[in-house]
Structures are given as C-alpha cells and as structure tokens.
Amino acid sequence: MDWHLQDAKNQFSKVVQKARTEGPQTVTLRGTRAAVILSAEDYDALAGNRPNIVEDLLAGPAWDDAFADTVDRREKRPSREPVL
C-alpha cells in the first residue's frame, strides 16, 4: 500500500502494523516513492547472513603453495620510486 508522508506520520503505528501483517508499505513524498517500511522479519530475510567486505575478501580462494612461494619471494621494497 502507498502512504503519503503526512498520512504515514499521523498513522505510523497503523503503517507498522500493516507492514507486519500485509507486507512492505511504501511512503511517498510529493508523489514519488521515498521509503519502504518493512517488518523486522522481512528486513532480516533481506539482510540475511551476507558477509561484509572484510569477510568476503578473507573468504577468497585459497592460495596454492606455488603462488604463496611466489608472493613470499617478491622484493620487499616498493617497485617504484615514491612521488614527492
């Protein structure tokens, strides 16, 4: 259901209750969709157990021994002169 912002403000408890029982409620501002009110259950389903960027990077493919050796053998100094 679409709610004008002023109506949603005045009847917020009703908007929340409808989000819990009927599904997402859309709030419009000057006729344009501005926000969606979700039940906590719907939000949890969307947010889920998605990894954050650090977890995603750390969970990348495992390095094989040859690649790890190549990385360990590389020079430990920068490959370019610093720009001043």
PDB file of N, CA and C in Angstrom:
ATOM      1  N   MET A   1       0.839  -1.177   0.000  1.00  0.00           N
ATOM      2  CA  MET A   1       0.000   0.000   0.000  1.00  0.00           C
ATOM      3  C   MET A   1       0.888   1.245   0.000  1.00  0.00           C
ATOM      4  N   ASP A   2       0.445   2.270  -0.693  1.00  0.00           N
ATOM      5  CA  ASP A   2       1.164   3.545  -0.722  1.00  0.00           C
ATOM      6  C   ASP A   2       0.570   4.499   0.300  1.00  0.00           C
ATOM      7  N   TRP A   3       1.466   5.163   1.022  1.00  0.00           N
ATOM      8  CA  TRP A   3       1.073   6.154   2.021  1.00  0.00           C
ATOM      9  C   TRP A   3       1.726   7.475   1.674  1.00  0.00           C
ATOM     10  N   HIS A   4       0.952   8.568   1.716  1.00  0.00           N
ATOM     11  CA  HIS A   4       1.553   9.895   1.618  1.00  0.00           C
ATOM     12  C   HIS A   4       2.316  10.121   2.917  1.00  0.00           C
ATOM     13  N   LEU A   5       3.402  10.838   2.864  1.00  0.00           N
ATOM     14  CA  LEU A   5       4.256  11.036   4.032  1.00  0.00           C
ATOM     15  C   LEU A   5       3.464  11.545   5.241  1.00  0.00           C
ATOM     16  N   GLN A   6       2.637  12.540   5.037  1.00  0.00           N
ATOM     17  CA  GLN A   6       1.879  13.112   6.153  1.00  0.00           C
ATOM     18  C   GLN A   6       0.956  12.062   6.777  1.00  0.00           C
ATOM     19  N   ASP A   7       0.302  11.250   5.930  1.00  0.00           N
ATOM     20  CA  ASP A   7      -0.572  10.193   6.446  1.00  0.00           C
ATOM     21  C   ASP A   7       0.234   9.148   7.203  1.00  0.00           C
ATOM     22  N   ALA A   8       1.398   8.806   6.675  1.00  0.00           N
ATOM     23  CA  ALA A   8       2.250   7.816   7.340  1.00  0.00           C
ATOM     24  C   ALA A   8       2.714   8.325   8.700  1.00  0.00           C
ATOM     25  N   LYS A   9       3.039   9.623   8.775  1.00  0.00           N
ATOM     26  CA  LYS A   9       3.439  10.212  10.057  1.00  0.00           C
ATOM     27  C   LYS A   9       2.292  10.154  11.053  1.00  0.00           C
ATOM     28  N   ASN A  10       1.106  10.532  10.610  1.00  0.00           N
ATOM     29  CA  ASN A  10      -0.051  10.595  11.506  1.00  0.00           C
ATOM     30  C   ASN A  10      -0.544   9.222  11.943  1.00  0.00           C
ATOM     31  N   GLN A  11      -0.288   8.206  11.126  1.00  0.00           N
ATOM     32  CA  GLN A  11      -0.792   6.867  11.422  1.00  0.00           C
ATOM     33  C   GLN A  11       0.343   5.845  11.445  1.00  0.00           C
ATOM     34  N   PHE A  12       1.490   6.245  11.997  1.00  0.00           N
ATOM     35  CA  PHE A  12       2.679   5.404  11.935  1.00  0.00           C
ATOM     36  C   PHE A  12       2.449   4.011  12.522  1.00  0.00           C
ATOM     37  N   SER A  13       1.752   3.929  13.649  1.00  0.00           N
ATOM     38  CA  SER A  13       1.520   2.606  14.245  1.00  0.00           C
ATOM     39  C   SER A  13       0.712   1.722  13.295  1.00  0.00           C
ATOM     40  N   LYS A  14      -0.231   2.315  12.558  1.00  0.00           N
ATOM     41  CA  LYS A  14      -1.009   1.553  11.583  1.00  0.00           C
ATOM     42  C   LYS A  14      -0.120   1.096  10.418  1.00  0.00           C
ATOM     43  N   VAL A  15       0.783   1.970   9.980  1.00  0.00           N
ATOM     44  CA  VAL A  15       1.715   1.622   8.889  1.00  0.00           C
ATOM     45  C   VAL A  15       2.583   0.440   9.321  1.00  0.00           C
ATOM     46  N   VAL A  16       3.099   0.497  10.546  1.00  0.00           N
ATOM     47  CA  VAL A  16       3.947  -0.583  11.048  1.00  0.00           C
ATOM     48  C   VAL A  16       3.145  -1.874  11.161  1.00  0.00           C
ATOM     49  N   GLN A  17       1.932  -1.794  11.682  1.00  0.00           N
ATOM     50  CA  GLN A  17       1.103  -2.991  11.822  1.00  0.00           C
ATOM     51  C   GLN A  17       0.806  -3.610  10.465  1.00  0.00           C
ATOM     52  N   LYS A  18       0.495  -2.776   9.475  1.00  0.00           N
ATOM     53  CA  LYS A  18       0.230  -3.297   8.123  1.00  0.00           C
ATOM     54  C   LYS A  18       1.503  -3.908   7.520  1.00  0.00           C
ATOM     55  N   ALA A  19       2.658  -3.324   7.794  1.00  0.00           N
ATOM     56  CA  ALA A  19       3.917  -3.906   7.308  1.00  0.00           C
ATOM     57  C   ALA A  19       4.115  -5.299   7.905  1.00  0.00           C
ATOM     58  N   ARG A  20       3.720  -5.463   9.159  1.00  0.00           N
ATOM     59  CA  ARG A  20       3.869  -6.765   9.823  1.00  0.00           C
ATOM     60  C   ARG A  20       2.880  -7.790   9.298  1.00  0.00           C
ATOM     61  N   THR A  21       1.668  -7.360   8.938  1.00  0.00           N
ATOM     62  CA  THR A  21       0.627  -8.315   8.552  1.00  0.00           C
ATOM     63  C   THR A  21       0.417  -8.432   7.048  1.00  0.00           C
ATOM     64  N   GLU A  22       0.629  -7.335   6.307  1.00  0.00           N
ATOM     65  CA  GLU A  22       0.318  -7.340   4.878  1.00  0.00           C
ATOM     66  C   GLU A  22       1.539  -7.241   3.972  1.00  0.00           C
ATOM     67  N   GLY A  23       2.696  -6.891   4.542  1.00  0.00           N
ATOM     68  CA  GLY A  23       3.896  -6.765   3.725  1.00  0.00           C
ATOM     69  C   GLY A  23       4.372  -5.333   3.654  1.00  0.00           C
ATOM     70  N   PRO A  24       5.405  -5.081   2.867  1.00  0.00           N
ATOM     71  CA  PRO A  24       6.025  -3.758   2.794  1.00  0.00           C
ATOM     72  C   PRO A  24       5.023  -2.646   2.478  1.00  0.00           C
ATOM     73  N   GLN A  25       5.221  -1.509   3.126  1.00  0.00           N
ATOM     74  CA  GLN A  25       4.382  -0.332   2.934  1.00  0.00           C
ATOM     75  C   GLN A  25       5.251   0.776   2.345  1.00  0.00           C
ATOM     76  N   THR A  26       4.791   1.364   1.254  1.00  0.00           N
ATOM     77  CA  THR A  26       5.550   2.399   0.559  1.00  0.00           C
ATOM     78  C   THR A  26       5.092   3.779   1.021  1.00  0.00           C
ATOM     79  N   VAL A  27       6.045   4.639   1.312  1.00  0.00           N
ATOM     80  CA  VAL A  27       5.762   6.019   1.693  1.00  0.00           C
ATOM     81  C   VAL A  27       6.204   6.915   0.541  1.00  0.00           C
ATOM     82  N   THR A  28       5.312   7.809   0.130  1.00  0.00           N
ATOM     83  CA  THR A  28       5.622   8.696  -0.984  1.00  0.00           C
ATOM     84  C   THR A  28       5.789  10.128  -0.501  1.00  0.00           C
ATOM     85  N   LEU A  29       6.618  10.854  -1.199  1.00  0.00           N
ATOM     86  CA  LEU A  29       6.865  12.265  -0.920  1.00  0.00           C
ATOM     87  C   LEU A  29       6.635  13.019  -2.220  1.00  0.00           C
ATOM     88  N   ARG A  30       5.604  13.853  -2.231  1.00  0.00           N
ATOM     89  CA  ARG A  30       5.215  14.582  -3.444  1.00  0.00           C
ATOM     90  C   ARG A  30       4.996  13.641  -4.624  1.00  0.00           C
ATOM     91  N   GLY A  31       4.377  12.495  -4.345  1.00  0.00           N
ATOM     92  CA  GLY A  31       4.034  11.538  -5.399  1.00  0.00           C
ATOM     93  C   GLY A  31       5.156  10.615  -5.825  1.00  0.00           C
ATOM     94  N   THR A  32       6.338  10.771  -5.242  1.00  0.00           N
ATOM     95  CA  THR A  32       7.485   9.934  -5.598  1.00  0.00           C
ATOM     96  C   THR A  32       7.805   8.994  -4.443  1.00  0.00           C
ATOM     97  N   ARG A  33       8.056   7.755  -4.777  1.00  0.00           N
ATOM     98  CA  ARG A  33       8.389   6.771  -3.753  1.00  0.00           C
ATOM     99  C   ARG A  33       9.624   7.218  -2.987  1.00  0.00           C
ATOM    100  N   ALA A  34       9.514   7.301  -1.646  1.00  0.00           N
ATOM    101  CA  ALA A  34      10.607   7.831  -0.839  1.00  0.00           C
ATOM    102  C   ALA A  34      11.159   6.812   0.147  1.00  0.00           C
ATOM    103  N   ALA A  35      10.313   5.933   0.650  1.00  0.00           N
ATOM    104  CA  ALA A  35      10.768   4.965   1.653  1.00  0.00           C
ATOM    105  C   ALA A  35       9.839   3.755   1.627  1.00  0.00           C
ATOM    106  N   VAL A  36      10.367   2.661   2.156  1.00  0.00           N
ATOM    107  CA  VAL A  36       9.567   1.441   2.294  1.00  0.00           C
ATOM    108  C   VAL A  36       9.698   0.971   3.727  1.00  0.00           C
ATOM    109  N   ILE A  37       8.563   0.747   4.369  1.00  0.00           N
ATOM    110  CA  ILE A  37       8.535   0.255   5.740  1.00  0.00           C
ATOM    111  C   ILE A  37       8.386  -1.259   5.667  1.00  0.00           C
ATOM    112  N   LEU A  38       9.342  -1.976   6.275  1.00  0.00           N
ATOM    113  CA  LEU A  38       9.338  -3.447   6.276  1.00  0.00           C
ATOM    114  C   LEU A  38       9.150  -3.959   7.691  1.00  0.00           C
ATOM    115  N   SER A  39       8.587  -5.144   7.798  1.00  0.00           N
ATOM    116  CA  SER A  39       8.574  -5.812   9.096  1.00  0.00           C
ATOM    117  C   SER A  39      10.008  -6.229   9.413  1.00  0.00           C
ATOM    118  N   ALA A  40      10.281  -6.441  10.684  1.00  0.00           N
ATOM    119  CA  ALA A  40      11.620  -6.891  11.081  1.00  0.00           C
ATOM    120  C   ALA A  40      11.945  -8.230  10.423  1.00  0.00           C
ATOM    121  N   GLU A  41      10.950  -9.082  10.296  1.00  0.00           N
ATOM    122  CA  GLU A  41      11.151 -10.392   9.661  1.00  0.00           C
ATOM    123  C   GLU A  41      11.546 -10.239   8.194  1.00  0.00           C
ATOM    124  N   ASP A  42      10.865  -9.344   7.463  1.00  0.00           N
ATOM    125  CA  ASP A  42      11.215  -9.113   6.058  1.00  0.00           C
ATOM    126  C   ASP A  42      12.614  -8.514   5.932  1.00  0.00           C
ATOM    127  N   TYR A  43      12.942  -7.582   6.827  1.00  0.00           N
ATOM    128  CA  TYR A  43      14.270  -6.972   6.800  1.00  0.00           C
ATOM    129  C   TYR A  43      15.354  -8.023   7.043  1.00  0.00           C
ATOM    130  N   ASP A  44      15.150  -8.875   8.060  1.00  0.00           N
ATOM    131  CA  ASP A  44      16.136  -9.920   8.362  1.00  0.00           C
ATOM    132  C   ASP A  44      16.329 -10.854   7.180  1.00  0.00           C
ATOM    133  N   ALA A  45      15.229 -11.165   6.478  1.00  0.00           N
ATOM    134  CA  ALA A  45      15.335 -12.034   5.305  1.00  0.00           C
ATOM    135  C   ALA A  45      16.154 -11.365   4.208  1.00  0.00           C
ATOM    136  N   LEU A  46      15.997 -10.042   4.046  1.00  0.00           N
ATOM    137  CA  LEU A  46      16.777  -9.327   3.031  1.00  0.00           C
ATOM    138  C   LEU A  46      18.232  -9.183   3.435  1.00  0.00           C
ATOM    139  N   ALA A  47      18.459  -8.780   4.681  1.00  0.00           N
ATOM    140  CA  ALA A  47      19.831  -8.562   5.153  1.00  0.00           C
ATOM    141  C   ALA A  47      20.555  -9.890   5.291  1.00  0.00           C
ATOM    142  N   GLY A  48      19.836 -10.884   5.785  1.00  0.00           N
ATOM    143  CA  GLY A  48      20.370 -12.237   5.897  1.00  0.00           C
ATOM    144  C   GLY A  48      21.735 -12.312   6.525  1.00  0.00           C
ATOM    145  N   ASN A  49      22.442 -13.317   6.160  1.00  0.00           N
ATOM    146  CA  ASN A  49      23.789 -13.547   6.676  1.00  0.00           C
ATOM    147  C   ASN A  49      24.826 -13.176   5.635  1.00  0.00           C
ATOM    148  N   ARG A  50      24.579 -12.071   4.949  1.00  0.00           N
ATOM    149  CA  ARG A  50      25.537 -11.659   3.925  1.00  0.00           C
ATOM    150  C   ARG A  50      26.832 -11.220   4.585  1.00  0.00           C
ATOM    151  N   PRO A  51      27.948 -11.678   4.055  1.00  0.00           N
ATOM    152  CA  PRO A  51      29.230 -11.283   4.648  1.00  0.00           C
ATOM    153  C   PRO A  51      29.518  -9.812   4.357  1.00  0.00           C
ATOM    154  N   ASN A  52      30.260  -9.174   5.272  1.00  0.00           N
ATOM    155  CA  ASN A  52      30.690  -7.813   4.983  1.00  0.00           C
ATOM    156  C   ASN A  52      31.915  -7.892   4.075  1.00  0.00           C
ATOM    157  N   ILE A  53      32.434  -6.777   3.659  1.00  0.00           N
ATOM    158  CA  ILE A  53      33.539  -6.760   2.687  1.00  0.00           C
ATOM    159  C   ILE A  53      34.777  -7.473   3.215  1.00  0.00           C
ATOM    160  N   VAL A  54      35.091  -7.317   4.503  1.00  0.00           N
ATOM    161  CA  VAL A  54      36.280  -7.964   5.069  1.00  0.00           C
ATOM    162  C   VAL A  54      36.101  -9.476   5.049  1.00  0.00           C
ATOM    163  N   GLU A  55      34.943  -9.947   5.493  1.00  0.00           N
ATOM    164  CA  GLU A  55      34.699 -11.388   5.482  1.00  0.00           C
ATOM    165  C   GLU A  55      34.732 -11.932   4.063  1.00  0.00           C
ATOM    166  N   ASP A  56      34.179 -11.167   3.115  1.00  0.00           N
ATOM    167  CA  ASP A  56      34.162 -11.598   1.724  1.00  0.00           C
ATOM    168  C   ASP A  56      35.579 -11.711   1.169  1.00  0.00           C
ATOM    169  N   LEU A  57      36.431 -10.726   1.469  1.00  0.00           N
ATOM    170  CA  LEU A  57      37.811 -10.776   0.978  1.00  0.00           C
ATOM    171  C   LEU A  57      38.601 -11.911   1.629  1.00  0.00           C
ATOM    172  N   LEU A  58      38.409 -12.095   2.926  1.00  0.00           N
ATOM    173  CA  LEU A  58      39.129 -13.161   3.621  1.00  0.00           C
ATOM    174  C   LEU A  58      38.676 -14.550   3.194  1.00  0.00           C
ATOM    175  N   ALA A  59      37.481 -14.643   2.668  1.00  0.00           N
ATOM    176  CA  ALA A  59      36.957 -15.935   2.245  1.00  0.00           C
ATOM    177  C   ALA A  59      37.280 -16.234   0.785  1.00  0.00           C
ATOM    178  N   GLY A  60      38.142 -15.448   0.190  1.00  0.00           N
ATOM    179  CA  GLY A  60      38.504 -15.645  -1.216  1.00  0.00           C
ATOM    180  C   GLY A  60      39.160 -16.991  -1.448  1.00  0.00           C
ATOM    181  N   PRO A  61      39.517 -17.251  -2.684  1.00  0.00           N
ATOM    182  CA  PRO A  61      40.116 -18.555  -2.999  1.00  0.00           C
ATOM    183  C   PRO A  61      41.431 -18.772  -2.246  1.00  0.00           C
ATOM    184  N   ALA A  62      41.670 -20.000  -1.913  1.00  0.00           N
ATOM    185  CA  ALA A  62      42.907 -20.350  -1.199  1.00  0.00           C
ATOM    186  C   ALA A  62      44.097 -20.245  -2.156  1.00  0.00           C
ATOM    187  N   TRP A  63      45.230 -19.853  -1.618  1.00  0.00           N
ATOM    188  CA  TRP A  63      46.433 -19.790  -2.425  1.00  0.00           C
ATOM    189  C   TRP A  63      47.070 -21.168  -2.444  1.00  0.00           C
ATOM    190  N   ASP A  64      47.478 -21.599  -3.634  1.00  0.00           N
ATOM    191  CA  ASP A  64      48.224 -22.860  -3.677  1.00  0.00           C
ATOM    192  C   ASP A  64      49.670 -22.578  -3.261  1.00  0.00           C
ATOM    193  N   ASP A  65      50.422 -23.610  -3.004  1.00  0.00           N
ATOM    194  CA  ASP A  65      51.788 -23.449  -2.486  1.00  0.00           C
ATOM    195  C   ASP A  65      52.691 -22.669  -3.441  1.00  0.00           C
ATOM    196  N   ALA A  66      52.554 -22.897  -4.746  1.00  0.00           N
ATOM    197  CA  ALA A  66      53.408 -22.216  -5.720  1.00  0.00           C
ATOM    198  C   ALA A  66      53.143 -20.709  -5.699  1.00  0.00           C
ATOM    199  N   PHE A  67      51.871 -20.316  -5.624  1.00  0.00           N
ATOM    200  CA  PHE A  67      51.540 -18.897  -5.593  1.00  0.00           C
ATOM    201  C   PHE A  67      52.034 -18.262  -4.295  1.00  0.00           C
ATOM    202  N   ALA A  68      51.864 -18.938  -3.186  1.00  0.00           N
ATOM    203  CA  ALA A  68      52.336 -18.427  -1.892  1.00  0.00           C
ATOM    204  C   ALA A  68      53.855 -18.246  -1.916  1.00  0.00           C
ATOM    205  N   ASP A  69      54.572 -19.193  -2.517  1.00  0.00           N
ATOM    206  CA  ASP A  69      56.027 -19.069  -2.620  1.00  0.00           C
ATOM    207  C   ASP A  69      56.421 -17.872  -3.479  1.00  0.00           C
ATOM    208  N   THR A  70      55.712 -17.650  -4.571  1.00  0.00           N
ATOM    209  CA  THR A  70      55.990 -16.511  -5.446  1.00  0.00           C
ATOM    210  C   THR A  70      55.788 -15.200  -4.691  1.00  0.00           C
ATOM    211  N   VAL A  71      54.726 -15.107  -3.941  1.00  0.00           N
ATOM    212  CA  VAL A  71      54.461 -13.886  -3.167  1.00  0.00           C
ATOM    213  C   VAL A  71      55.552 -13.692  -2.121  1.00  0.00           C
ATOM    214  N   ASP A  72      55.959 -14.755  -1.455  1.00  0.00           N
ATOM    215  CA  ASP A  72      56.992 -14.649  -0.417  1.00  0.00           C
ATOM    216  C   ASP A  72      58.348 -14.254  -0.995  1.00  0.00           C
ATOM    217  N   ARG A  73      58.646 -14.640  -2.240  1.00  0.00           N
ATOM    218  CA  ARG A  73      59.947 -14.355  -2.848  1.00  0.00           C
ATOM    219  C   ARG A  73      60.040 -12.945  -3.418  1.00  0.00           C
ATOM    220  N   ARG A  74      58.950 -12.274  -3.611  1.00  0.00           N
ATOM    221  CA  ARG A  74      58.999 -10.952  -4.238  1.00  0.00           C
ATOM    222  C   ARG A  74      59.792  -9.980  -3.364  1.00  0.00           C
ATOM    223  N   GLU A  75      60.280  -8.938  -4.010  1.00  0.00           N
ATOM    224  CA  GLU A  75      61.052  -7.939  -3.278  1.00  0.00           C
ATOM    225  C   GLU A  75      60.174  -7.254  -2.251  1.00  0.00           C
ATOM    226  N   LYS A  76      60.774  -6.908  -1.152  1.00  0.00           N
ATOM    227  CA  LYS A  76      60.024  -6.313  -0.051  1.00  0.00           C
ATOM    228  C   LYS A  76      60.008  -4.789  -0.112  1.00  0.00           C
ATOM    229  N   ARG A  77      60.610  -4.218  -1.131  1.00  0.00           N
ATOM    230  CA  ARG A  77      60.610  -2.764  -1.264  1.00  0.00           C
ATOM    231  C   ARG A  77      59.646  -2.387  -2.389  1.00  0.00           C
ATOM    232  N   PRO A  78      59.208  -1.135  -2.417  1.00  0.00           N
ATOM    233  CA  PRO A  78      58.284  -0.706  -3.470  1.00  0.00           C
ATOM    234  C   PRO A  78      58.903  -0.882  -4.858  1.00  0.00           C
ATOM    235  N   SER A  79      58.079  -1.160  -5.824  1.00  0.00           N
ATOM    236  CA  SER A  79      58.565  -1.365  -7.184  1.00  0.00           C
ATOM    237  C   SER A  79      58.837  -0.042  -7.891  1.00  0.00           C
ATOM    238  N   ARG A  80      58.341   1.086  -7.353  1.00  0.00           N
ATOM    239  CA  ARG A  80      58.552   2.400  -7.960  1.00  0.00           C
ATOM    240  C   ARG A  80      59.086   3.352  -6.910  1.00  0.00           C
ATOM    241  N   GLU A  81      59.735   4.381  -7.419  1.00  0.00           N
ATOM    242  CA  GLU A  81      60.195   5.453  -6.538  1.00  0.00           C
ATOM    243  C   GLU A  81      58.988   6.238  -6.055  1.00  0.00           C
ATOM    244  N   PRO A  82      58.997   6.691  -4.818  1.00  0.00           N
ATOM    245  CA  PRO A  82      57.857   7.478  -4.334  1.00  0.00           C
ATOM    246  C   PRO A  82      57.755   8.809  -5.066  1.00  0.00           C
ATOM    247  N   VAL A  83      56.535   9.255  -5.265  1.00  0.00           N
ATOM    248  CA  VAL A  83      56.274  10.555  -5.880  1.00  0.00           C
ATOM    249  C   VAL A  83      56.232  11.588  -4.779  1.00  0.00           C
ATOM    250  N   LEU A  84      57.032  12.640  -4.942  1.00  0.00           N
ATOM    251  CA  LEU A  84      57.087  13.674  -3.906  1.00  0.00           C
ATOM    252  C   LEU A  84      56.385  14.922  -4.330  1.00  0.00           C
TER     253      LEU A  84
END
